Amino acid sequence: MRRISEKGVVDTMKAFASSVLLLWEKHMLEGRQGMMANKYMDSDLRVMERDEQSMRKALDAQSKKLALVSSRWYKTVIHQLKVKWG
């Protein structure tokens, strides 16, 4: 069996530890970037949900106005028909 020098083992272990540290730092950086992206996406999502809620309120208000106008128009037409046809 071939013998490996102590220096070779130490150098190899240092290189391995350095590689693990670099991978860990990369992983942590990606995690932070992901958290920031999620933070911005959460913020954007809240804005979009608020906008959607505002649009729904405006649509409901418009629908109520249209129903009221339609109802008044219908009543006016019925009244005119009654007056005309007696």
PDB file of N, CA and C in Angstrom:
ATOM      1  N   MET A   1       0.832  -1.161   0.000  1.00  0.00           N
ATOM      2  CA  MET A   1       0.000   0.000   0.000  1.00  0.00           C
ATOM      3  C   MET A   1       0.890   1.242   0.000  1.00  0.00           C
ATOM      4  N   ARG A   2       0.469   2.231  -0.752  1.00  0.00           N
ATOM      5  CA  ARG A   2       1.258   3.449  -0.880  1.00  0.00           C
ATOM      6  C   ARG A   2       1.019   4.376   0.298  1.00  0.00           C
ATOM      7  N   ARG A   3       2.033   4.977   0.794  1.00  0.00           N
ATOM      8  CA  ARG A   3       1.937   5.894   1.926  1.00  0.00           C
ATOM      9  C   ARG A   3       1.728   7.308   1.402  1.00  0.00           C
ATOM     10  N   ILE A   4       0.931   8.055   2.147  1.00  0.00           N
ATOM     11  CA  ILE A   4       0.670   9.451   1.788  1.00  0.00           C
ATOM     12  C   ILE A   4       1.318  10.317   2.862  1.00  0.00           C
ATOM     13  N   SER A   5       1.974  11.353   2.411  1.00  0.00           N
ATOM     14  CA  SER A   5       2.654  12.211   3.382  1.00  0.00           C
ATOM     15  C   SER A   5       1.650  13.000   4.205  1.00  0.00           C
ATOM     16  N   GLU A   6       2.057  13.340   5.409  1.00  0.00           N
ATOM     17  CA  GLU A   6       1.207  14.131   6.288  1.00  0.00           C
ATOM     18  C   GLU A   6       0.885  15.466   5.653  1.00  0.00           C
ATOM     19  N   LYS A   7       1.862  16.079   5.011  1.00  0.00           N
ATOM     20  CA  LYS A   7       1.660  17.360   4.343  1.00  0.00           C
ATOM     21  C   LYS A   7       0.615  17.230   3.236  1.00  0.00           C
ATOM     22  N   GLY A   8       0.678  16.135   2.485  1.00  0.00           N
ATOM     23  CA  GLY A   8      -0.302  15.898   1.422  1.00  0.00           C
ATOM     24  C   GLY A   8      -1.711  15.788   1.975  1.00  0.00           C
ATOM     25  N   VAL A   9      -1.836  15.088   3.106  1.00  0.00           N
ATOM     26  CA  VAL A   9      -3.147  14.937   3.749  1.00  0.00           C
ATOM     27  C   VAL A   9      -3.654  16.294   4.233  1.00  0.00           C
ATOM     28  N   VAL A  10      -2.768  17.047   4.886  1.00  0.00           N
ATOM     29  CA  VAL A  10      -3.157  18.361   5.402  1.00  0.00           C
ATOM     30  C   VAL A  10      -3.553  19.280   4.256  1.00  0.00           C
ATOM     31  N   ASP A  11      -2.793  19.308   3.183  1.00  0.00           N
ATOM     32  CA  ASP A  11      -3.099  20.153   2.032  1.00  0.00           C
ATOM     33  C   ASP A  11      -4.442  19.762   1.408  1.00  0.00           C
ATOM     34  N   THR A  12      -4.654  18.457   1.293  1.00  0.00           N
ATOM     35  CA  THR A  12      -5.906  17.959   0.717  1.00  0.00           C
ATOM     36  C   THR A  12      -7.090  18.331   1.610  1.00  0.00           C
ATOM     37  N   MET A  13      -6.924  18.194   2.936  1.00  0.00           N
ATOM     38  CA  MET A  13      -7.988  18.544   3.874  1.00  0.00           C
ATOM     39  C   MET A  13      -8.291  20.050   3.816  1.00  0.00           C
ATOM     40  N   LYS A  14      -7.234  20.878   3.695  1.00  0.00           N
ATOM     41  CA  LYS A  14      -7.440  22.325   3.582  1.00  0.00           C
ATOM     42  C   LYS A  14      -8.204  22.661   2.311  1.00  0.00           C
ATOM     43  N   ALA A  15      -7.825  22.015   1.211  1.00  0.00           N
ATOM     44  CA  ALA A  15      -8.515  22.254  -0.058  1.00  0.00           C
ATOM     45  C   ALA A  15      -9.976  21.829   0.036  1.00  0.00           C
ATOM     46  N   PHE A  16     -10.214  20.672   0.679  1.00  0.00           N
ATOM     47  CA  PHE A  16     -11.584  20.176   0.851  1.00  0.00           C
ATOM     48  C   PHE A  16     -12.394  21.155   1.709  1.00  0.00           C
ATOM     49  N   ALA A  17     -11.814  21.594   2.824  1.00  0.00           N
ATOM     50  CA  ALA A  17     -12.502  22.528   3.716  1.00  0.00           C
ATOM     51  C   ALA A  17     -12.790  23.838   2.987  1.00  0.00           C
ATOM     52  N   SER A  18     -11.847  24.284   2.188  1.00  0.00           N
ATOM     53  CA  SER A  18     -12.040  25.512   1.418  1.00  0.00           C
ATOM     54  C   SER A  18     -13.186  25.344   0.427  1.00  0.00           C
ATOM     55  N   SER A  19     -13.240  24.204  -0.244  1.00  0.00           N
ATOM     56  CA  SER A  19     -14.317  23.935  -1.201  1.00  0.00           C
ATOM     57  C   SER A  19     -15.669  23.886  -0.507  1.00  0.00           C
ATOM     58  N   VAL A  20     -15.723  23.225   0.647  1.00  0.00           N
ATOM     59  CA  VAL A  20     -16.979  23.149   1.397  1.00  0.00           C
ATOM     60  C   VAL A  20     -17.417  24.542   1.828  1.00  0.00           C
ATOM     61  N   LEU A  21     -16.460  25.350   2.291  1.00  0.00           N
ATOM     62  CA  LEU A  21     -16.777  26.720   2.708  1.00  0.00           C
ATOM     63  C   LEU A  21     -17.313  27.538   1.539  1.00  0.00           C
ATOM     64  N   LEU A  22     -16.695  27.423   0.371  1.00  0.00           N
ATOM     65  CA  LEU A  22     -17.169  28.158  -0.808  1.00  0.00           C
ATOM     66  C   LEU A  22     -18.577  27.724  -1.193  1.00  0.00           C
ATOM     67  N   LEU A  23     -18.829  26.418  -1.161  1.00  0.00           N
ATOM     68  CA  LEU A  23     -20.170  25.915  -1.488  1.00  0.00           C
ATOM     69  C   LEU A  23     -21.198  26.415  -0.480  1.00  0.00           C
ATOM     70  N   TRP A  24     -20.823  26.407   0.805  1.00  0.00           N
ATOM     71  CA  TRP A  24     -21.732  26.874   1.842  1.00  0.00           C
ATOM     72  C   TRP A  24     -22.034  28.353   1.656  1.00  0.00           C
ATOM     73  N   GLU A  25     -21.004  29.162   1.368  1.00  0.00           N
ATOM     74  CA  GLU A  25     -21.214  30.597   1.143  1.00  0.00           C
ATOM     75  C   GLU A  25     -22.109  30.829  -0.066  1.00  0.00           C
ATOM     76  N   LYS A  26     -21.917  30.045  -1.124  1.00  0.00           N
ATOM     77  CA  LYS A  26     -22.759  30.165  -2.327  1.00  0.00           C
ATOM     78  C   LYS A  26     -24.207  29.826  -1.987  1.00  0.00           C
ATOM     79  N   HIS A  27     -24.374  28.765  -1.221  1.00  0.00           N
ATOM     80  CA  HIS A  27     -25.707  28.343  -0.810  1.00  0.00           C
ATOM     81  C   HIS A  27     -26.385  29.431   0.023  1.00  0.00           C
ATOM     82  N   MET A  28     -25.662  30.010   0.954  1.00  0.00           N
ATOM     83  CA  MET A  28     -26.216  31.065   1.803  1.00  0.00           C
ATOM     84  C   MET A  28     -26.571  32.305   0.971  1.00  0.00           C
ATOM     85  N   LEU A  29     -25.713  32.657   0.023  1.00  0.00           N
ATOM     86  CA  LEU A  29     -25.987  33.808  -0.846  1.00  0.00           C
ATOM     87  C   LEU A  29     -27.252  33.578  -1.666  1.00  0.00           C
ATOM     88  N   GLU A  30     -27.372  32.375  -2.221  1.00  0.00           N
ATOM     89  CA  GLU A  30     -28.573  32.048  -3.001  1.00  0.00           C
ATOM     90  C   GLU A  30     -29.814  32.089  -2.112  1.00  0.00           C
ATOM     91  N   GLY A  31     -29.665  31.610  -0.882  1.00  0.00           N
ATOM     92  CA  GLY A  31     -30.778  31.653   0.068  1.00  0.00           C
ATOM     93  C   GLY A  31     -31.190  33.077   0.372  1.00  0.00           C
ATOM     94  N   ARG A  32     -30.217  33.949   0.579  1.00  0.00           N
ATOM     95  CA  ARG A  32     -30.523  35.358   0.847  1.00  0.00           C
ATOM     96  C   ARG A  32     -31.196  36.001  -0.354  1.00  0.00           C
ATOM     97  N   GLN A  33     -30.667  35.701  -1.545  1.00  0.00           N
ATOM     98  CA  GLN A  33     -31.266  36.270  -2.761  1.00  0.00           C
ATOM     99  C   GLN A  33     -32.692  35.773  -2.923  1.00  0.00           C
ATOM    100  N   GLY A  34     -32.897  34.505  -2.623  1.00  0.00           N
ATOM    101  CA  GLY A  34     -34.250  33.954  -2.703  1.00  0.00           C
ATOM    102  C   GLY A  34     -35.184  34.616  -1.718  1.00  0.00           C
ATOM    103  N   MET A  35     -34.681  34.868  -0.504  1.00  0.00           N
ATOM    104  CA  MET A  35     -35.503  35.539   0.502  1.00  0.00           C
ATOM    105  C   MET A  35     -35.837  36.955   0.058  1.00  0.00           C
ATOM    106  N   MET A  36     -34.872  37.651  -0.527  1.00  0.00           N
ATOM    107  CA  MET A  36     -35.131  39.008  -1.010  1.00  0.00           C
ATOM    108  C   MET A  36     -36.139  38.982  -2.150  1.00  0.00           C
ATOM    109  N   ALA A  37     -35.981  38.026  -3.050  1.00  0.00           N
ATOM    110  CA  ALA A  37     -36.928  37.912  -4.169  1.00  0.00           C
ATOM    111  C   ALA A  37     -38.323  37.642  -3.628  1.00  0.00           C
ATOM    112  N   ASN A  38     -38.419  36.735  -2.631  1.00  0.00           N
ATOM    113  CA  ASN A  38     -39.724  36.447  -2.029  1.00  0.00           C
ATOM    114  C   ASN A  38     -40.287  37.679  -1.341  1.00  0.00           C
ATOM    115  N   LYS A  39     -39.413  38.436  -0.694  1.00  0.00           N
ATOM    116  CA  LYS A  39     -39.865  39.661  -0.021  1.00  0.00           C
ATOM    117  C   LYS A  39     -40.470  40.618  -1.040  1.00  0.00           C
ATOM    118  N   TYR A  40     -39.768  40.795  -2.172  1.00  0.00           N
ATOM    119  CA  TYR A  40     -40.282  41.684  -3.203  1.00  0.00           C
ATOM    120  C   TYR A  40     -41.533  41.106  -3.836  1.00  0.00           C
ATOM    121  N   MET A  41     -41.560  39.781  -4.032  1.00  0.00           N
ATOM    122  CA  MET A  41     -42.749  39.164  -4.609  1.00  0.00           C
ATOM    123  C   MET A  41     -43.923  39.291  -3.648  1.00  0.00           C
ATOM    124  N   ASP A  42     -43.672  39.107  -2.348  1.00  0.00           N
ATOM    125  CA  ASP A  42     -44.738  39.272  -1.366  1.00  0.00           C
ATOM    126  C   ASP A  42     -45.275  40.692  -1.408  1.00  0.00           C
ATOM    127  N   SER A  43     -44.375  41.652  -1.489  1.00  0.00           N
ATOM    128  CA  SER A  43     -44.781  43.058  -1.560  1.00  0.00           C
ATOM    129  C   SER A  43     -45.592  43.309  -2.825  1.00  0.00           C
ATOM    130  N   ASP A  44     -45.099  42.816  -3.956  1.00  0.00           N
ATOM    131  CA  ASP A  44     -45.815  42.982  -5.224  1.00  0.00           C
ATOM    132  C   ASP A  44     -47.174  42.293  -5.167  1.00  0.00           C
ATOM    133  N   LEU A  45     -47.209  41.114  -4.545  1.00  0.00           N
ATOM    134  CA  LEU A  45     -48.468  40.377  -4.438  1.00  0.00           C
ATOM    135  C   LEU A  45     -49.475  41.147  -3.597  1.00  0.00           C
ATOM    136  N   ARG A  46     -49.023  41.738  -2.500  1.00  0.00           N
ATOM    137  CA  ARG A  46     -49.928  42.538  -1.664  1.00  0.00           C
ATOM    138  C   ARG A  46     -50.477  43.728  -2.451  1.00  0.00           C
ATOM    139  N   VAL A  47     -49.627  44.376  -3.238  1.00  0.00           N
ATOM    140  CA  VAL A  47     -50.074  45.512  -4.049  1.00  0.00           C
ATOM    141  C   VAL A  47     -51.105  45.039  -5.075  1.00  0.00           C
ATOM    142  N   MET A  48     -50.816  43.909  -5.719  1.00  0.00           N
ATOM    143  CA  MET A  48     -51.746  43.381  -6.714  1.00  0.00           C
ATOM    144  C   MET A  48     -53.082  43.000  -6.072  1.00  0.00           C
ATOM    145  N   GLU A  49     -53.034  42.402  -4.881  1.00  0.00           N
ATOM    146  CA  GLU A  49     -54.269  42.038  -4.194  1.00  0.00           C
ATOM    147  C   GLU A  49     -55.062  43.275  -3.805  1.00  0.00           C
ATOM    148  N   ARG A  50     -54.368  44.332  -3.355  1.00  0.00           N
ATOM    149  CA  ARG A  50     -55.030  45.591  -3.018  1.00  0.00           C
ATOM    150  C   ARG A  50     -55.681  46.191  -4.261  1.00  0.00           C
ATOM    151  N   ASP A  51     -54.952  46.161  -5.387  1.00  0.00           N
ATOM    152  CA  ASP A  51     -55.500  46.691  -6.637  1.00  0.00           C
ATOM    153  C   ASP A  51     -56.720  45.893  -7.073  1.00  0.00           C
ATOM    154  N   GLU A  52     -56.623  44.570  -6.936  1.00  0.00           N
ATOM    155  CA  GLU A  52     -57.750  43.716  -7.319  1.00  0.00           C
ATOM    156  C   GLU A  52     -58.968  44.031  -6.454  1.00  0.00           C
ATOM    157  N   GLN A  53     -58.733  44.225  -5.159  1.00  0.00           N
ATOM    158  CA  GLN A  53     -59.830  44.550  -4.254  1.00  0.00           C
ATOM    159  C   GLN A  53     -60.466  45.886  -4.641  1.00  0.00           C
ATOM    160  N   SER A  54     -59.642  46.864  -4.977  1.00  0.00           N
ATOM    161  CA  SER A  54     -60.164  48.170  -5.402  1.00  0.00           C
ATOM    162  C   SER A  54     -60.980  48.041  -6.680  1.00  0.00           C
ATOM    163  N   MET A  55     -60.466  47.251  -7.612  1.00  0.00           N
ATOM    164  CA  MET A  55     -61.186  47.060  -8.876  1.00  0.00           C
ATOM    165  C   MET A  55     -62.517  46.359  -8.636  1.00  0.00           C
ATOM    166  N   ARG A  56     -62.517  45.376  -7.740  1.00  0.00           N
ATOM    167  CA  ARG A  56     -63.777  44.679  -7.437  1.00  0.00           C
ATOM    168  C   ARG A  56     -64.800  45.630  -6.807  1.00  0.00           C
ATOM    169  N   LYS A  57     -64.339  46.498  -5.904  1.00  0.00           N
ATOM    170  CA  LYS A  57     -65.235  47.469  -5.282  1.00  0.00           C
ATOM    171  C   LYS A  57     -65.798  48.416  -6.327  1.00  0.00           C
ATOM    172  N   ALA A  58     -64.925  48.891  -7.217  1.00  0.00           N
ATOM    173  CA  ALA A  58     -65.376  49.800  -8.275  1.00  0.00           C
ATOM    174  C   ALA A  58     -66.367  49.095  -9.197  1.00  0.00           C
ATOM    175  N   LEU A  59     -66.103  47.837  -9.526  1.00  0.00           N
ATOM    176  CA  LEU A  59     -66.996  47.074 -10.393  1.00  0.00           C
ATOM    177  C   LEU A  59     -68.341  46.850  -9.710  1.00  0.00           C
ATOM    178  N   ASP A  60     -68.320  46.524  -8.428  1.00  0.00           N
ATOM    179  CA  ASP A  60     -69.575  46.346  -7.686  1.00  0.00           C
ATOM    180  C   ASP A  60     -70.378  47.640  -7.658  1.00  0.00           C
ATOM    181  N   ALA A  61     -69.690  48.758  -7.404  1.00  0.00           N
ATOM    182  CA  ALA A  61     -70.375  50.055  -7.378  1.00  0.00           C
ATOM    183  C   ALA A  61     -70.976  50.369  -8.743  1.00  0.00           C
ATOM    184  N   GLN A  62     -70.217  50.112  -9.806  1.00  0.00           N
ATOM    185  CA  GLN A  62     -70.712  50.365 -11.159  1.00  0.00           C
ATOM    186  C   GLN A  62     -71.895  49.465 -11.476  1.00  0.00           C
ATOM    187  N   SER A  63     -71.831  48.212 -11.051  1.00  0.00           N
ATOM    188  CA  SER A  63     -72.942  47.285 -11.302  1.00  0.00           C
ATOM    189  C   SER A  63     -74.204  47.761 -10.595  1.00  0.00           C
ATOM    190  N   LYS A  64     -74.049  48.247  -9.365  1.00  0.00           N
ATOM    191  CA  LYS A  64     -75.205  48.756  -8.629  1.00  0.00           C
ATOM    192  C   LYS A  64     -75.797  49.973  -9.320  1.00  0.00           C
ATOM    193  N   LYS A  65     -74.927  50.864  -9.805  1.00  0.00           N
ATOM    194  CA  LYS A  65     -75.405  52.053 -10.525  1.00  0.00           C
ATOM    195  C   LYS A  65     -76.150  51.644 -11.788  1.00  0.00           C
ATOM    196  N   LEU A  66     -75.584  50.697 -12.525  1.00  0.00           N
ATOM    197  CA  LEU A  66     -76.237  50.235 -13.754  1.00  0.00           C
ATOM    198  C   LEU A  66     -77.576  49.586 -13.450  1.00  0.00           C
ATOM    199  N   ALA A  67     -77.637  48.814 -12.373  1.00  0.00           N
ATOM    200  CA  ALA A  67     -78.904  48.176 -11.996  1.00  0.00           C
ATOM    201  C   ALA A  67     -79.934  49.234 -11.635  1.00  0.00           C
ATOM    202  N   LEU A  68     -79.513  50.268 -10.933  1.00  0.00           N
ATOM    203  CA  LEU A  68     -80.418  51.352 -10.543  1.00  0.00           C
ATOM    204  C   LEU A  68     -80.925  52.098 -11.771  1.00  0.00           C
ATOM    205  N   VAL A  69     -80.017  52.437 -12.682  1.00  0.00           N
ATOM    206  CA  VAL A  69     -80.399  53.139 -13.914  1.00  0.00           C
ATOM    207  C   VAL A  69     -81.328  52.261 -14.740  1.00  0.00           C
ATOM    208  N   SER A  70     -80.985  50.993 -14.847  1.00  0.00           N
ATOM    209  CA  SER A  70     -81.805  50.061 -15.619  1.00  0.00           C
ATOM    210  C   SER A  70     -83.200  49.952 -15.012  1.00  0.00           C
ATOM    211  N   SER A  71     -83.259  49.872 -13.702  1.00  0.00           N
ATOM    212  CA  SER A  71     -84.545  49.775 -13.013  1.00  0.00           C
ATOM    213  C   SER A  71     -85.376  51.031 -13.244  1.00  0.00           C
ATOM    214  N   ARG A  72     -84.747  52.204 -13.146  1.00  0.00           N
ATOM    215  CA  ARG A  72     -85.461  53.466 -13.382  1.00  0.00           C
ATOM    216  C   ARG A  72     -85.952  53.552 -14.821  1.00  0.00           C
ATOM    217  N   TRP A  73     -85.079  53.134 -15.751  1.00  0.00           N
ATOM    218  CA  TRP A  73     -85.460  53.172 -17.170  1.00  0.00           C
ATOM    219  C   TRP A  73     -86.653  52.256 -17.406  1.00  0.00           C
ATOM    220  N   TYR A  74     -86.585  51.056 -16.830  1.00  0.00           N
ATOM    221  CA  TYR A  74     -87.665  50.086 -16.993  1.00  0.00           C
ATOM    222  C   TYR A  74     -88.976  50.652 -16.443  1.00  0.00           C
ATOM    223  N   LYS A  75     -88.912  51.256 -15.253  1.00  0.00           N
ATOM    224  CA  LYS A  75     -90.113  51.831 -14.644  1.00  0.00           C
ATOM    225  C   LYS A  75     -90.662  52.966 -15.497  1.00  0.00           C
ATOM    226  N   THR A  76     -89.784  53.776 -16.075  1.00  0.00           N
ATOM    227  CA  THR A  76     -90.203  54.886 -16.932  1.00  0.00           C
ATOM    228  C   THR A  76     -90.896  54.355 -18.182  1.00  0.00           C
ATOM    229  N   VAL A  77     -90.316  53.341 -18.795  1.00  0.00           N
ATOM    230  CA  VAL A  77     -90.911  52.747 -19.998  1.00  0.00           C
ATOM    231  C   VAL A  77     -92.269  52.157 -19.680  1.00  0.00           C
ATOM    232  N   ILE A  78     -92.375  51.441 -18.579  1.00  0.00           N
ATOM    233  CA  ILE A  78     -93.664  50.846 -18.180  1.00  0.00           C
ATOM    234  C   ILE A  78     -94.697  51.950 -17.936  1.00  0.00           C
ATOM    235  N   HIS A  79     -94.283  52.987 -17.257  1.00  0.00           N
ATOM    236  CA  HIS A  79     -95.190  54.108 -16.976  1.00  0.00           C
ATOM    237  C   HIS A  79     -95.672  54.746 -18.285  1.00  0.00           C
ATOM    238  N   GLN A  80     -94.748  54.971 -19.218  1.00  0.00           N
ATOM    239  CA  GLN A  80     -95.118  55.573 -20.506  1.00  0.00           C
ATOM    240  C   GLN A  80     -96.076  54.680 -21.278  1.00  0.00           C
ATOM    241  N   LEU A  81     -95.832  53.384 -21.219  1.00  0.00           N
ATOM    242  CA  LEU A  81     -96.741  52.449 -21.912  1.00  0.00           C
ATOM    243  C   LEU A  81     -98.130  52.484 -21.295  1.00  0.00           C
ATOM    244  N   LYS A  82     -98.169  52.553 -19.966  1.00  0.00           N
ATOM    245  CA  LYS A  82     -99.474  52.605 -19.286  1.00  0.00           C
ATOM    246  C   LYS A  82    -100.221  53.885 -19.657  1.00  0.00           C
ATOM    247  N   VAL A  83     -99.471  54.992 -19.693  1.00  0.00           N
ATOM    248  CA  VAL A  83    -100.087  56.269 -20.041  1.00  0.00           C
ATOM    249  C   VAL A  83    -100.588  56.226 -21.491  1.00  0.00           C
ATOM    250  N   LYS A  84     -99.757  55.685 -22.361  1.00  0.00           N
ATOM    251  CA  LYS A  84    -100.095  55.648 -23.793  1.00  0.00           C
ATOM    252  C   LYS A  84    -101.249  54.698 -24.071  1.00  0.00           C
ATOM    253  N   TRP A  85    -101.245  53.521 -23.442  1.00  0.00           N
ATOM    254  CA  TRP A  85    -102.246  52.504 -23.757  1.00  0.00           C
ATOM    255  C   TRP A  85    -103.391  52.483 -22.748  1.00  0.00           C
ATOM    256  N   GLY A  86    -103.280  53.318 -21.765  1.00  0.00           N
ATOM    257  CA  GLY A  86    -104.353  53.567 -20.845  1.00  0.00           C
ATOM    258  C   GLY A  86    -104.567  52.581 -19.810  1.00  0.00           C
TER     259      GLY A  86
END
